[in-house]
Amino acid sequence: MRRYLFALLLCLVVAQSALAQRAPDLRAGLTVQTRKPVNRSQMVPSSTPRWVKWGVAGAVGGAIVFSIAGQSNPDGDRSAIGDAVLGAAIGFVVVGGAIAIYDAVCAPESGSRRAGLCGR
């Protein structure tokens, strides 16, 4: 049970450190104020980040794969729920982390994007 708690704690630490690495947008104070009406859709915070959405998809896939693969193991003392939790943690970190790294490297203003290394 300890290893599952460690995996869960690791997921929470990775998620918090990824949020802490975002730099605030400093350009907002440099814009000239005009008397245009305020667009309410711009004031609403953006939806869930892509890496979280894909991390959840990876967690679901990892839970399914690990629970099925864990039951085919010759050791008889494995639980399907324990394997699913471990697979969900690993799937979230791998898939969500890959998307987070891609988004960081291929941001719209990055040199990688300008050089054409990130596709379209």
PDB file of N, CA and C in Angstrom:
ATOM      1  N   MET A   1       0.809  -1.183   0.000  1.00  0.00           N
ATOM      2  CA  MET A   1       0.000   0.000   0.000  1.00  0.00           C
ATOM      3  C   MET A   1       0.858   1.254   0.000  1.00  0.00           C
ATOM      4  N   ARG A   2       2.057   1.172   0.576  1.00  0.00           N
ATOM      5  CA  ARG A   2       2.952   2.317   0.629  1.00  0.00           C
ATOM      6  C   ARG A   2       3.360   2.793  -0.748  1.00  0.00           C
ATOM      7  N   ARG A   3       3.606   1.871  -1.652  1.00  0.00           N
ATOM      8  CA  ARG A   3       4.058   2.277  -2.986  1.00  0.00           C
ATOM      9  C   ARG A   3       2.954   2.994  -3.736  1.00  0.00           C
ATOM     10  N   TYR A   4       1.704   2.663  -3.456  1.00  0.00           N
ATOM     11  CA  TYR A   4       0.600   3.358  -4.108  1.00  0.00           C
ATOM     12  C   TYR A   4       0.456   4.768  -3.563  1.00  0.00           C
ATOM     13  N   LEU A   5       0.657   4.927  -2.275  1.00  0.00           N
ATOM     14  CA  LEU A   5       0.605   6.257  -1.696  1.00  0.00           C
ATOM     15  C   LEU A   5       1.747   7.111  -2.210  1.00  0.00           C
ATOM     16  N   PHE A   6       2.910   6.510  -2.376  1.00  0.00           N
ATOM     17  CA  PHE A   6       4.053   7.234  -2.924  1.00  0.00           C
ATOM     18  C   PHE A   6       3.768   7.671  -4.360  1.00  0.00           C
ATOM     19  N   ALA A   7       3.170   6.801  -5.160  1.00  0.00           N
ATOM     20  CA  ALA A   7       2.842   7.154  -6.537  1.00  0.00           C
ATOM     21  C   ALA A   7       1.813   8.276  -6.584  1.00  0.00           C
ATOM     22  N   LEU A   8       0.834   8.248  -5.715  1.00  0.00           N
ATOM     23  CA  LEU A   8      -0.174   9.301  -5.653  1.00  0.00           C
ATOM     24  C   LEU A   8       0.452  10.614  -5.217  1.00  0.00           C
ATOM     25  N   LEU A   9       1.312  10.571  -4.221  1.00  0.00           N
ATOM     26  CA  LEU A   9       2.000  11.767  -3.759  1.00  0.00           C
ATOM     27  C   LEU A   9       2.889  12.336  -4.860  1.00  0.00           C
ATOM     28  N   LEU A  10       3.546  11.476  -5.597  1.00  0.00           N
ATOM     29  CA  LEU A  10       4.394  11.914  -6.694  1.00  0.00           C
ATOM     30  C   LEU A  10       3.581  12.629  -7.762  1.00  0.00           C
ATOM     31  N   CYS A  11       2.403  12.120  -8.068  1.00  0.00           N
ATOM     32  CA  CYS A  11       1.519  12.778  -9.048  1.00  0.00           C
ATOM     33  C   CYS A  11       1.119  14.165  -8.584  1.00  0.00           C
ATOM     34  N   LEU A  12       0.801  14.292  -7.305  1.00  0.00           N
ATOM     35  CA  LEU A  12       0.402  15.596  -6.786  1.00  0.00           C
ATOM     36  C   LEU A  12       1.552  16.582  -6.804  1.00  0.00           C
ATOM     37  N   VAL A  13       2.757  16.141  -6.494  1.00  0.00           N
ATOM     38  CA  VAL A  13       3.919  17.019  -6.505  1.00  0.00           C
ATOM     39  C   VAL A  13       4.238  17.451  -7.936  1.00  0.00           C
ATOM     40  N   VAL A  14       4.166  16.538  -8.882  1.00  0.00           N
ATOM     41  CA  VAL A  14       4.443  16.873 -10.277  1.00  0.00           C
ATOM     42  C   VAL A  14       3.418  17.872 -10.787  1.00  0.00           C
ATOM     43  N   ALA A  15       2.158  17.688 -10.434  1.00  0.00           N
ATOM     44  CA  ALA A  15       1.109  18.599 -10.896  1.00  0.00           C
ATOM     45  C   ALA A  15       1.318  19.991 -10.312  1.00  0.00           C
ATOM     46  N   GLN A  16       1.680  20.090  -9.045  1.00  0.00           N
ATOM     47  CA  GLN A  16       1.876  21.399  -8.431  1.00  0.00           C
ATOM     48  C   GLN A  16       3.116  22.084  -8.979  1.00  0.00           C
ATOM     49  N   SER A  17       4.189  21.351  -9.229  1.00  0.00           N
ATOM     50  CA  SER A  17       5.396  21.984  -9.745  1.00  0.00           C
ATOM     51  C   SER A  17       5.192  22.446 -11.177  1.00  0.00           C
ATOM     52  N   ALA A  18       4.369  21.739 -11.949  1.00  0.00           N
ATOM     53  CA  ALA A  18       4.110  22.177 -13.315  1.00  0.00           C
ATOM     54  C   ALA A  18       3.323  23.484 -13.319  1.00  0.00           C
ATOM     55  N   LEU A  19       2.384  23.645 -12.397  1.00  0.00           N
ATOM     56  CA  LEU A  19       1.637  24.893 -12.312  1.00  0.00           C
ATOM     57  C   LEU A  19       2.525  26.038 -11.845  1.00  0.00           C
ATOM     58  N   ALA A  20       3.477  25.745 -10.985  1.00  0.00           N
ATOM     59  CA  ALA A  20       4.343  26.785 -10.459  1.00  0.00           C
ATOM     60  C   ALA A  20       5.335  27.295 -11.494  1.00  0.00           C
ATOM     61  N   GLN A  21       5.554  26.581 -12.562  1.00  0.00           N
ATOM     62  CA  GLN A  21       6.520  26.988 -13.557  1.00  0.00           C
ATOM     63  C   GLN A  21       5.949  27.933 -14.600  1.00  0.00           C
ATOM     64  N   ARG A  22       4.668  28.192 -14.569  1.00  0.00           N
ATOM     65  CA  ARG A  22       4.069  29.112 -15.527  1.00  0.00           C
ATOM     66  C   ARG A  22       4.445  30.545 -15.162  1.00  0.00           C
ATOM     67  N   ALA A  23       4.888  31.288 -16.148  1.00  0.00           N
ATOM     68  CA  ALA A  23       5.220  32.684 -15.937  1.00  0.00           C
ATOM     69  C   ALA A  23       3.978  33.541 -16.165  1.00  0.00           C
ATOM     70  N   PRO A  24       3.746  34.530 -15.321  1.00  0.00           N
ATOM     71  CA  PRO A  24       2.577  35.385 -15.529  1.00  0.00           C
ATOM     72  C   PRO A  24       2.767  36.256 -16.768  1.00  0.00           C
ATOM     73  N   ASP A  25       1.668  36.632 -17.377  1.00  0.00           N
ATOM     74  CA  ASP A  25       1.725  37.470 -18.562  1.00  0.00           C
ATOM     75  C   ASP A  25       1.911  38.913 -18.116  1.00  0.00           C
ATOM     76  N   LEU A  26       3.058  39.483 -18.420  1.00  0.00           N
ATOM     77  CA  LEU A  26       3.381  40.835 -17.981  1.00  0.00           C
ATOM     78  C   LEU A  26       2.968  41.890 -18.997  1.00  0.00           C
ATOM     79  N   ARG A  27       2.484  41.482 -20.160  1.00  0.00           N
ATOM     80  CA  ARG A  27       2.119  42.440 -21.192  1.00  0.00           C
ATOM     81  C   ARG A  27       0.822  43.159 -20.883  1.00  0.00           C
ATOM     82  N   ALA A  28       0.034  42.663 -19.963  1.00  0.00           N
ATOM     83  CA  ALA A  28      -1.278  43.257 -19.678  1.00  0.00           C
ATOM     84  C   ALA A  28      -1.139  44.687 -19.160  1.00  0.00           C
ATOM     85  N   GLY A  29      -0.108  44.990 -18.406  1.00  0.00           N
ATOM     86  CA  GLY A  29       0.090  46.334 -17.888  1.00  0.00           C
ATOM     87  C   GLY A  29       0.623  47.309 -18.921  1.00  0.00           C
ATOM     88  N   LEU A  30       1.079  46.823 -20.051  1.00  0.00           N
ATOM     89  CA  LEU A  30       1.671  47.682 -21.068  1.00  0.00           C
ATOM     90  C   LEU A  30       0.672  48.119 -22.133  1.00  0.00           C
ATOM     91  N   THR A  31      -0.530  47.618 -22.108  1.00  0.00           N
ATOM     92  CA  THR A  31      -1.494  47.958 -23.142  1.00  0.00           C
ATOM     93  C   THR A  31      -2.128  49.308 -22.863  1.00  0.00           C
ATOM     94  N   VAL A  32      -2.500  49.982 -23.916  1.00  0.00           N
ATOM     95  CA  VAL A  32      -3.151  51.282 -23.791  1.00  0.00           C
ATOM     96  C   VAL A  32      -4.633  51.051 -23.534  1.00  0.00           C
ATOM     97  N   GLN A  33      -5.167  51.714 -22.544  1.00  0.00           N
ATOM     98  CA  GLN A  33      -6.569  51.556 -22.202  1.00  0.00           C
ATOM     99  C   GLN A  33      -7.433  52.371 -23.158  1.00  0.00           C
ATOM    100  N   THR A  34      -8.438  51.746 -23.708  1.00  0.00           N
ATOM    101  CA  THR A  34      -9.387  52.430 -24.584  1.00  0.00           C
ATOM    102  C   THR A  34     -10.776  52.314 -23.988  1.00  0.00           C
ATOM    103  N   ARG A  35     -11.737  52.963 -24.587  1.00  0.00           N
ATOM    104  CA  ARG A  35     -13.099  52.944 -24.072  1.00  0.00           C
ATOM    105  C   ARG A  35     -13.955  51.924 -24.791  1.00  0.00           C
ATOM    106  N   LYS A  36     -13.376  50.827 -25.219  1.00  0.00           N
ATOM    107  CA  LYS A  36     -14.130  49.756 -25.861  1.00  0.00           C
ATOM    108  C   LYS A  36     -14.892  48.976 -24.805  1.00  0.00           C
ATOM    109  N   PRO A  37     -16.053  48.407 -25.159  1.00  0.00           N
ATOM    110  CA  PRO A  37     -16.763  47.582 -24.182  1.00  0.00           C
ATOM    111  C   PRO A  37     -15.956  46.325 -23.859  1.00  0.00           C
ATOM    112  N   VAL A  38     -16.084  45.874 -22.633  1.00  0.00           N
ATOM    113  CA  VAL A  38     -15.332  44.711 -22.167  1.00  0.00           C
ATOM    114  C   VAL A  38     -16.027  43.451 -22.666  1.00  0.00           C
ATOM    115  N   ASN A  39     -15.243  42.552 -23.253  1.00  0.00           N
ATOM    116  CA  ASN A  39     -15.761  41.266 -23.699  1.00  0.00           C
ATOM    117  C   ASN A  39     -15.742  40.308 -22.507  1.00  0.00           C
ATOM    118  N   ARG A  40     -16.897  39.886 -22.065  1.00  0.00           N
ATOM    119  CA  ARG A  40     -16.993  39.035 -20.882  1.00  0.00           C
ATOM    120  C   ARG A  40     -16.303  37.685 -21.079  1.00  0.00           C
ATOM    121  N   SER A  41     -16.233  37.183 -22.299  1.00  0.00           N
ATOM    122  CA  SER A  41     -15.602  35.884 -22.524  1.00  0.00           C
ATOM    123  C   SER A  41     -14.099  35.943 -22.282  1.00  0.00           C
ATOM    124  N   GLN A  42     -13.507  37.115 -22.394  1.00  0.00           N
ATOM    125  CA  GLN A  42     -12.075  37.246 -22.127  1.00  0.00           C
ATOM    126  C   GLN A  42     -11.779  37.302 -20.638  1.00  0.00           C
ATOM    127  N   MET A  43     -12.779  37.641 -19.836  1.00  0.00           N
ATOM    128  CA  MET A  43     -12.570  37.737 -18.398  1.00  0.00           C
ATOM    129  C   MET A  43     -12.703  36.391 -17.705  1.00  0.00           C
ATOM    130  N   VAL A  44     -13.346  35.451 -18.348  1.00  0.00           N
ATOM    131  CA  VAL A  44     -13.532  34.132 -17.767  1.00  0.00           C
ATOM    132  C   VAL A  44     -12.212  33.371 -17.867  1.00  0.00           C
ATOM    133  N   PRO A  45     -11.761  32.754 -16.793  1.00  0.00           N
ATOM    134  CA  PRO A  45     -10.507  31.998 -16.878  1.00  0.00           C
ATOM    135  C   PRO A  45     -10.618  30.863 -17.899  1.00  0.00           C
ATOM    136  N   SER A  46      -9.500  30.536 -18.477  1.00  0.00           N
ATOM    137  CA  SER A  46      -9.494  29.484 -19.496  1.00  0.00           C
ATOM    138  C   SER A  46      -9.877  28.143 -18.880  1.00  0.00           C
ATOM    139  N   SER A  47     -10.213  27.227 -19.736  1.00  0.00           N
ATOM    140  CA  SER A  47     -10.632  25.912 -19.259  1.00  0.00           C
ATOM    141  C   SER A  47      -9.427  25.122 -18.750  1.00  0.00           C
ATOM    142  N   THR A  48      -9.661  23.879 -18.482  1.00  0.00           N
ATOM    143  CA  THR A  48      -8.620  23.002 -17.969  1.00  0.00           C
ATOM    144  C   THR A  48      -7.457  22.921 -18.964  1.00  0.00           C
ATOM    145  N   PRO A  49      -6.216  22.982 -18.484  1.00  0.00           N
ATOM    146  CA  PRO A  49      -5.070  22.892 -19.396  1.00  0.00           C
ATOM    147  C   PRO A  49      -5.041  21.566 -20.149  1.00  0.00           C
ATOM    148  N   ARG A  50      -4.423  21.604 -21.332  1.00  0.00           N
ATOM    149  CA  ARG A  50      -4.350  20.405 -22.165  1.00  0.00           C
ATOM    150  C   ARG A  50      -3.655  19.259 -21.469  1.00  0.00           C
ATOM    151  N   TRP A  51      -2.595  19.532 -20.716  1.00  0.00           N
ATOM    152  CA  TRP A  51      -1.837  18.444 -20.106  1.00  0.00           C
ATOM    153  C   TRP A  51      -2.668  17.719 -19.054  1.00  0.00           C
ATOM    154  N   VAL A  52      -3.598  18.428 -18.398  1.00  0.00           N
ATOM    155  CA  VAL A  52      -4.460  17.763 -17.416  1.00  0.00           C
ATOM    156  C   VAL A  52      -5.471  16.873 -18.126  1.00  0.00           C
ATOM    157  N   LYS A  53      -6.068  17.381 -19.218  1.00  0.00           N
ATOM    158  CA  LYS A  53      -7.037  16.585 -19.975  1.00  0.00           C
ATOM    159  C   LYS A  53      -6.393  15.309 -20.508  1.00  0.00           C
ATOM    160  N   TRP A  54      -5.225  15.447 -21.109  1.00  0.00           N
ATOM    161  CA  TRP A  54      -4.544  14.269 -21.650  1.00  0.00           C
ATOM    162  C   TRP A  54      -4.010  13.388 -20.533  1.00  0.00           C
ATOM    163  N   GLY A  55      -3.637  13.989 -19.400  1.00  0.00           N
ATOM    164  CA  GLY A  55      -3.205  13.192 -18.253  1.00  0.00           C
ATOM    165  C   GLY A  55      -4.320  12.313 -17.720  1.00  0.00           C
ATOM    166  N   VAL A  56      -5.541  12.844 -17.705  1.00  0.00           N
ATOM    167  CA  VAL A  56      -6.687  12.042 -17.269  1.00  0.00           C
ATOM    168  C   VAL A  56      -6.928  10.898 -18.252  1.00  0.00           C
ATOM    169  N   ALA A  57      -6.802  11.197 -19.556  1.00  0.00           N
ATOM    170  CA  ALA A  57      -6.954  10.131 -20.554  1.00  0.00           C
ATOM    171  C   ALA A  57      -5.871   9.065 -20.368  1.00  0.00           C
ATOM    172  N   GLY A  58      -4.641   9.493 -20.094  1.00  0.00           N
ATOM    173  CA  GLY A  58      -3.567   8.542 -19.824  1.00  0.00           C
ATOM    174  C   GLY A  58      -3.801   7.747 -18.558  1.00  0.00           C
ATOM    175  N   ALA A  59      -4.403   8.379 -17.548  1.00  0.00           N
ATOM    176  CA  ALA A  59      -4.702   7.681 -16.303  1.00  0.00           C
ATOM    177  C   ALA A  59      -5.745   6.591 -16.527  1.00  0.00           C
ATOM    178  N   VAL A  60      -6.756   6.895 -17.316  1.00  0.00           N
ATOM    179  CA  VAL A  60      -7.780   5.885 -17.612  1.00  0.00           C
ATOM    180  C   VAL A  60      -7.172   4.718 -18.378  1.00  0.00           C
ATOM    181  N   GLY A  61      -6.395   5.048 -19.406  1.00  0.00           N
ATOM    182  CA  GLY A  61      -5.745   3.991 -20.192  1.00  0.00           C
ATOM    183  C   GLY A  61      -4.778   3.167 -19.362  1.00  0.00           C
ATOM    184  N   GLY A  62      -3.987   3.844 -18.525  1.00  0.00           N
ATOM    185  CA  GLY A  62      -3.042   3.132 -17.670  1.00  0.00           C
ATOM    186  C   GLY A  62      -3.725   2.235 -16.666  1.00  0.00           C
ATOM    187  N   ALA A  63      -4.846   2.698 -16.124  1.00  0.00           N
ATOM    188  CA  ALA A  63      -5.589   1.873 -15.161  1.00  0.00           C
ATOM    189  C   ALA A  63      -6.122   0.615 -15.825  1.00  0.00           C
ATOM    190  N   ILE A  64      -6.637   0.768 -17.036  1.00  0.00           N
ATOM    191  CA  ILE A  64      -7.176  -0.399 -17.745  1.00  0.00           C
ATOM    192  C   ILE A  64      -6.059  -1.381 -18.091  1.00  0.00           C
ATOM    193  N   VAL A  65      -4.985  -0.866 -18.669  1.00  0.00           N
ATOM    194  CA  VAL A  65      -3.896  -1.746 -19.109  1.00  0.00           C
ATOM    195  C   VAL A  65      -3.226  -2.438 -17.920  1.00  0.00           C
ATOM    196  N   PHE A  66      -2.940  -1.690 -16.855  1.00  0.00           N
ATOM    197  CA  PHE A  66      -2.253  -2.292 -15.714  1.00  0.00           C
ATOM    198  C   PHE A  66      -3.135  -3.300 -14.990  1.00  0.00           C
ATOM    199  N   SER A  67      -4.439  -3.026 -14.894  1.00  0.00           N
ATOM    200  CA  SER A  67      -5.291  -3.988 -14.193  1.00  0.00           C
ATOM    201  C   SER A  67      -5.431  -5.278 -14.994  1.00  0.00           C
ATOM    202  N   ILE A  68      -5.495  -5.176 -16.308  1.00  0.00           N
ATOM    203  CA  ILE A  68      -5.576  -6.388 -17.132  1.00  0.00           C
ATOM    204  C   ILE A  68      -4.241  -7.129 -17.134  1.00  0.00           C
ATOM    205  N   ALA A  69      -3.154  -6.389 -17.340  1.00  0.00           N
ATOM    206  CA  ALA A  69      -1.836  -7.025 -17.398  1.00  0.00           C
ATOM    207  C   ALA A  69      -1.419  -7.573 -16.036  1.00  0.00           C
ATOM    208  N   GLY A  70      -1.828  -6.916 -14.956  1.00  0.00           N
ATOM    209  CA  GLY A  70      -1.466  -7.381 -13.623  1.00  0.00           C
ATOM    210  C   GLY A  70      -2.133  -8.688 -13.262  1.00  0.00           C
ATOM    211  N   GLN A  71      -3.288  -8.944 -13.802  1.00  0.00           N
ATOM    212  CA  GLN A  71      -3.995 -10.181 -13.486  1.00  0.00           C
ATOM    213  C   GLN A  71      -3.433 -11.380 -14.244  1.00  0.00           C
ATOM    214  N   SER A  72      -2.684 -11.113 -15.290  1.00  0.00           N
ATOM    215  CA  SER A  72      -2.064 -12.227 -16.018  1.00  0.00           C
ATOM    216  C   SER A  72      -0.723 -12.619 -15.408  1.00  0.00           C
ATOM    217  N   ASN A  73      -0.304 -11.920 -14.374  1.00  0.00           N
ATOM    218  CA  ASN A  73       0.938 -12.197 -13.676  1.00  0.00           C
ATOM    219  C   ASN A  73       0.778 -13.500 -12.881  1.00  0.00           C
ATOM    220  N   PRO A  74       1.788 -14.357 -12.869  1.00  0.00           N
ATOM    221  CA  PRO A  74       1.668 -15.627 -12.149  1.00  0.00           C
ATOM    222  C   PRO A  74       1.576 -15.469 -10.627  1.00  0.00           C
ATOM    223  N   ASP A  75       1.958 -14.301 -10.103  1.00  0.00           N
ATOM    224  CA  ASP A  75       1.804 -14.090  -8.658  1.00  0.00           C
ATOM    225  C   ASP A  75       0.322 -13.995  -8.337  1.00  0.00           C
ATOM    226  N   GLY A  76      -0.135 -14.764  -7.419  1.00  0.00           N
ATOM    227  CA  GLY A  76      -1.552 -14.799  -7.094  1.00  0.00           C
ATOM    228  C   GLY A  76      -1.998 -13.733  -6.116  1.00  0.00           C
ATOM    229  N   ASP A  77      -1.063 -12.990  -5.530  1.00  0.00           N
ATOM    230  CA  ASP A  77      -1.441 -12.033  -4.490  1.00  0.00           C
ATOM    231  C   ASP A  77      -1.572 -10.601  -5.010  1.00  0.00           C
ATOM    232  N   ARG A  78      -1.838 -10.423  -6.282  1.00  0.00           N
ATOM    233  CA  ARG A  78      -1.981  -9.088  -6.866  1.00  0.00           C
ATOM    234  C   ARG A  78      -3.449  -8.681  -6.863  1.00  0.00           C
ATOM    235  N   SER A  79      -3.730  -7.431  -6.573  1.00  0.00           N
ATOM    236  CA  SER A  79      -5.116  -6.958  -6.611  1.00  0.00           C
ATOM    237  C   SER A  79      -5.315  -6.102  -7.857  1.00  0.00           C
ATOM    238  N   ALA A  80      -6.459  -6.231  -8.468  1.00  0.00           N
ATOM    239  CA  ALA A  80      -6.758  -5.468  -9.679  1.00  0.00           C
ATOM    240  C   ALA A  80      -6.865  -3.982  -9.371  1.00  0.00           C
ATOM    241  N   ILE A  81      -7.382  -3.639  -8.214  1.00  0.00           N
ATOM    242  CA  ILE A  81      -7.532  -2.221  -7.860  1.00  0.00           C
ATOM    243  C   ILE A  81      -6.167  -1.584  -7.620  1.00  0.00           C
ATOM    244  N   GLY A  82      -5.289  -2.302  -6.959  1.00  0.00           N
ATOM    245  CA  GLY A  82      -3.937  -1.778  -6.736  1.00  0.00           C
ATOM    246  C   GLY A  82      -3.196  -1.564  -8.040  1.00  0.00           C
ATOM    247  N   ASP A  83      -3.335  -2.535  -8.948  1.00  0.00           N
ATOM    248  CA  ASP A  83      -2.702  -2.383 -10.254  1.00  0.00           C
ATOM    249  C   ASP A  83      -3.313  -1.226 -11.033  1.00  0.00           C
ATOM    250  N   ALA A  84      -4.621  -1.027 -10.906  1.00  0.00           N
ATOM    251  CA  ALA A  84      -5.295   0.070 -11.611  1.00  0.00           C
ATOM    252  C   ALA A  84      -4.841   1.425 -11.085  1.00  0.00           C
ATOM    253  N   VAL A  85      -4.672   1.531  -9.777  1.00  0.00           N
ATOM    254  CA  VAL A  85      -4.215   2.801  -9.190  1.00  0.00           C
ATOM    255  C   VAL A  85      -2.801   3.108  -9.641  1.00  0.00           C
ATOM    256  N   LEU A  86      -1.942   2.117  -9.615  1.00  0.00           N
ATOM    257  CA  LEU A  86      -0.569   2.314 -10.066  1.00  0.00           C
ATOM    258  C   LEU A  86      -0.529   2.679 -11.544  1.00  0.00           C
ATOM    259  N   GLY A  87      -1.320   1.999 -12.364  1.00  0.00           N
ATOM    260  CA  GLY A  87      -1.370   2.305 -13.791  1.00  0.00           C
ATOM    261  C   GLY A  87      -1.921   3.684 -14.061  1.00  0.00           C
ATOM    262  N   ALA A  88      -2.909   4.107 -13.277  1.00  0.00           N
ATOM    263  CA  ALA A  88      -3.469   5.448 -13.453  1.00  0.00           C
ATOM    264  C   ALA A  88      -2.430   6.517 -13.129  1.00  0.00           C
ATOM    265  N   ALA A  89      -1.686   6.314 -12.062  1.00  0.00           N
ATOM    266  CA  ALA A  89      -0.654   7.286 -11.696  1.00  0.00           C
ATOM    267  C   ALA A  89       0.423   7.361 -12.766  1.00  0.00           C
ATOM    268  N   ILE A  90       0.880   6.221 -13.229  1.00  0.00           N
ATOM    269  CA  ILE A  90       1.922   6.204 -14.253  1.00  0.00           C
ATOM    270  C   ILE A  90       1.399   6.776 -15.565  1.00  0.00           C
ATOM    271  N   GLY A  91       0.187   6.422 -15.954  1.00  0.00           N
ATOM    272  CA  GLY A  91      -0.396   6.947 -17.184  1.00  0.00           C
ATOM    273  C   GLY A  91      -0.570   8.453 -17.145  1.00  0.00           C
ATOM    274  N   PHE A  92      -1.015   8.988 -16.003  1.00  0.00           N
ATOM    275  CA  PHE A  92      -1.176  10.432 -15.872  1.00  0.00           C
ATOM    276  C   PHE A  92       0.155  11.151 -16.006  1.00  0.00           C
ATOM    277  N   VAL A  93       1.167  10.653 -15.329  1.00  0.00           N
ATOM    278  CA  VAL A  93       2.477  11.309 -15.359  1.00  0.00           C
ATOM    279  C   VAL A  93       3.101  11.224 -16.752  1.00  0.00           C
ATOM    280  N   VAL A  94       3.020  10.066 -17.384  1.00  0.00           N
ATOM    281  CA  VAL A  94       3.666   9.894 -18.689  1.00  0.00           C
ATOM    282  C   VAL A  94       2.962  10.710 -19.766  1.00  0.00           C
ATOM    283  N   VAL A  95       1.652  10.541 -19.913  1.00  0.00           N
ATOM    284  CA  VAL A  95       0.935  11.219 -20.991  1.00  0.00           C
ATOM    285  C   VAL A  95       0.784  12.707 -20.689  1.00  0.00           C
ATOM    286  N   GLY A  96       0.342  13.049 -19.484  1.00  0.00           N
ATOM    287  CA  GLY A  96       0.207  14.461 -19.125  1.00  0.00           C
ATOM    288  C   GLY A  96       1.536  15.187 -19.141  1.00  0.00           C
ATOM    289  N   GLY A  97       2.582  14.531 -18.664  1.00  0.00           N
ATOM    290  CA  GLY A  97       3.913  15.138 -18.687  1.00  0.00           C
ATOM    291  C   GLY A  97       4.434  15.358 -20.095  1.00  0.00           C
ATOM    292  N   ALA A  98       4.169  14.409 -20.982  1.00  0.00           N
ATOM    293  CA  ALA A  98       4.608  14.571 -22.374  1.00  0.00           C
ATOM    294  C   ALA A  98       3.915  15.754 -23.028  1.00  0.00           C
ATOM    295  N   ILE A  99       2.629  15.924 -22.787  1.00  0.00           N
ATOM    296  CA  ILE A  99       1.902  17.065 -23.358  1.00  0.00           C
ATOM    297  C   ILE A  99       2.387  18.366 -22.738  1.00  0.00           C
ATOM    298  N   ALA A 100       2.655  18.383 -21.439  1.00  0.00           N
ATOM    299  CA  ALA A 100       3.150  19.588 -20.779  1.00  0.00           C
ATOM    300  C   ALA A 100       4.510  19.996 -21.337  1.00  0.00           C
ATOM    301  N   ILE A 101       5.385  19.030 -21.547  1.00  0.00           N
ATOM    302  CA  ILE A 101       6.698  19.336 -22.121  1.00  0.00           C
ATOM    303  C   ILE A 101       6.557  19.834 -23.548  1.00  0.00           C
ATOM    304  N   TYR A 102       5.688  19.199 -24.340  1.00  0.00           N
ATOM    305  CA  TYR A 102       5.472  19.649 -25.710  1.00  0.00           C
ATOM    306  C   TYR A 102       4.931  21.076 -25.735  1.00  0.00           C
ATOM    307  N   ASP A 103       3.962  21.374 -24.878  1.00  0.00           N
ATOM    308  CA  ASP A 103       3.403  22.719 -24.832  1.00  0.00           C
ATOM    309  C   ASP A 103       4.439  23.748 -24.402  1.00  0.00           C
ATOM    310  N   ALA A 104       5.332  23.376 -23.510  1.00  0.00           N
ATOM    311  CA  ALA A 104       6.366  24.306 -23.066  1.00  0.00           C
ATOM    312  C   ALA A 104       7.415  24.543 -24.153  1.00  0.00           C
ATOM    313  N   VAL A 105       7.817  23.480 -24.829  1.00  0.00           N
ATOM    314  CA  VAL A 105       8.849  23.619 -25.858  1.00  0.00           C
ATOM    315  C   VAL A 105       8.287  24.274 -27.117  1.00  0.00           C
ATOM    316  N   CYS A 106       7.062  23.951 -27.458  1.00  0.00           N
ATOM    317  CA  CYS A 106       6.464  24.440 -28.707  1.00  0.00           C
ATOM    318  C   CYS A 106       5.422  25.520 -28.457  1.00  0.00           C
ATOM    319  N   ALA A 107       5.656  26.388 -27.494  1.00  0.00           N
ATOM    320  CA  ALA A 107       4.745  27.505 -27.247  1.00  0.00           C
ATOM    321  C   ALA A 107       4.733  28.420 -28.474  1.00  0.00           C
ATOM    322  N   PRO A 108       3.661  29.188 -28.674  1.00  0.00           N
ATOM    323  CA  PRO A 108       3.577  30.026 -29.878  1.00  0.00           C
ATOM    324  C   PRO A 108       4.729  31.008 -30.028  1.00  0.00           C
ATOM    325  N   GLU A 109       5.289  31.495 -28.943  1.00  0.00           N
ATOM    326  CA  GLU A 109       6.377  32.471 -29.055  1.00  0.00           C
ATOM    327  C   GLU A 109       7.765  31.846 -28.895  1.00  0.00           C
ATOM    328  N   SER A 110       7.855  30.529 -28.926  1.00  0.00           N
ATOM    329  CA  SER A 110       9.141  29.862 -28.712  1.00  0.00           C
ATOM    330  C   SER A 110       9.977  29.829 -29.991  1.00  0.00           C
ATOM    331  N   GLY A 111      11.257  29.676 -29.795  1.00  0.00           N
ATOM    332  CA  GLY A 111      12.166  29.551 -30.932  1.00  0.00           C
ATOM    333  C   GLY A 111      11.953  28.263 -31.707  1.00  0.00           C
ATOM    334  N   SER A 112      11.541  27.215 -31.028  1.00  0.00           N
ATOM    335  CA  SER A 112      11.274  25.943 -31.707  1.00  0.00           C
ATOM    336  C   SER A 112      10.112  26.080 -32.676  1.00  0.00           C
ATOM    337  N   ARG A 113       9.081  26.796 -32.279  1.00  0.00           N
ATOM    338  CA  ARG A 113       7.924  27.015 -33.153  1.00  0.00           C
ATOM    339  C   ARG A 113       8.321  27.881 -34.345  1.00  0.00           C
ATOM    340  N   ARG A 114       9.095  28.929 -34.092  1.00  0.00           N
ATOM    341  CA  ARG A 114       9.512  29.826 -35.187  1.00  0.00           C
ATOM    342  C   ARG A 114      10.431  29.103 -36.171  1.00  0.00           C
ATOM    343  N   ALA A 115      11.219  28.154 -35.679  1.00  0.00           N
ATOM    344  CA  ALA A 115      12.124  27.418 -36.554  1.00  0.00           C
ATOM    345  C   ALA A 115      11.424  26.328 -37.331  1.00  0.00           C
ATOM    346  N   GLY A 116      10.153  26.076 -37.041  1.00  0.00           N
ATOM    347  CA  GLY A 116       9.389  25.061 -37.759  1.00  0.00           C
ATOM    348  C   GLY A 116       9.610  23.653 -37.244  1.00  0.00           C
ATOM    349  N   LEU A 117      10.106  23.517 -36.020  1.00  0.00           N
ATOM    350  CA  LEU A 117      10.380  22.186 -35.479  1.00  0.00           C
ATOM    351  C   LEU A 117       9.173  21.556 -34.817  1.00  0.00           C
ATOM    352  N   CYS A 118       8.073  22.290 -34.677  1.00  0.00           N
ATOM    353  CA  CYS A 118       6.903  21.790 -33.965  1.00  0.00           C
ATOM    354  C   CYS A 118       5.712  21.535 -34.886  1.00  0.00           C
ATOM    355  N   GLY A 119       5.923  21.385 -36.121  1.00  0.00           N
ATOM    356  CA  GLY A 119       4.811  21.152 -37.036  1.00  0.00           C
ATOM    357  C   GLY A 119       4.171  22.453 -37.460  1.00  0.00           C
ATOM    358  N   ARG A 120       2.868  22.423 -37.621  1.00  0.00           N
ATOM    359  CA  ARG A 120       2.168  23.628 -38.096  1.00  0.00           C
ATOM    360  C   ARG A 120       2.141  24.702 -37.097  1.00  0.00           C
TER     361      ARG A 120
END
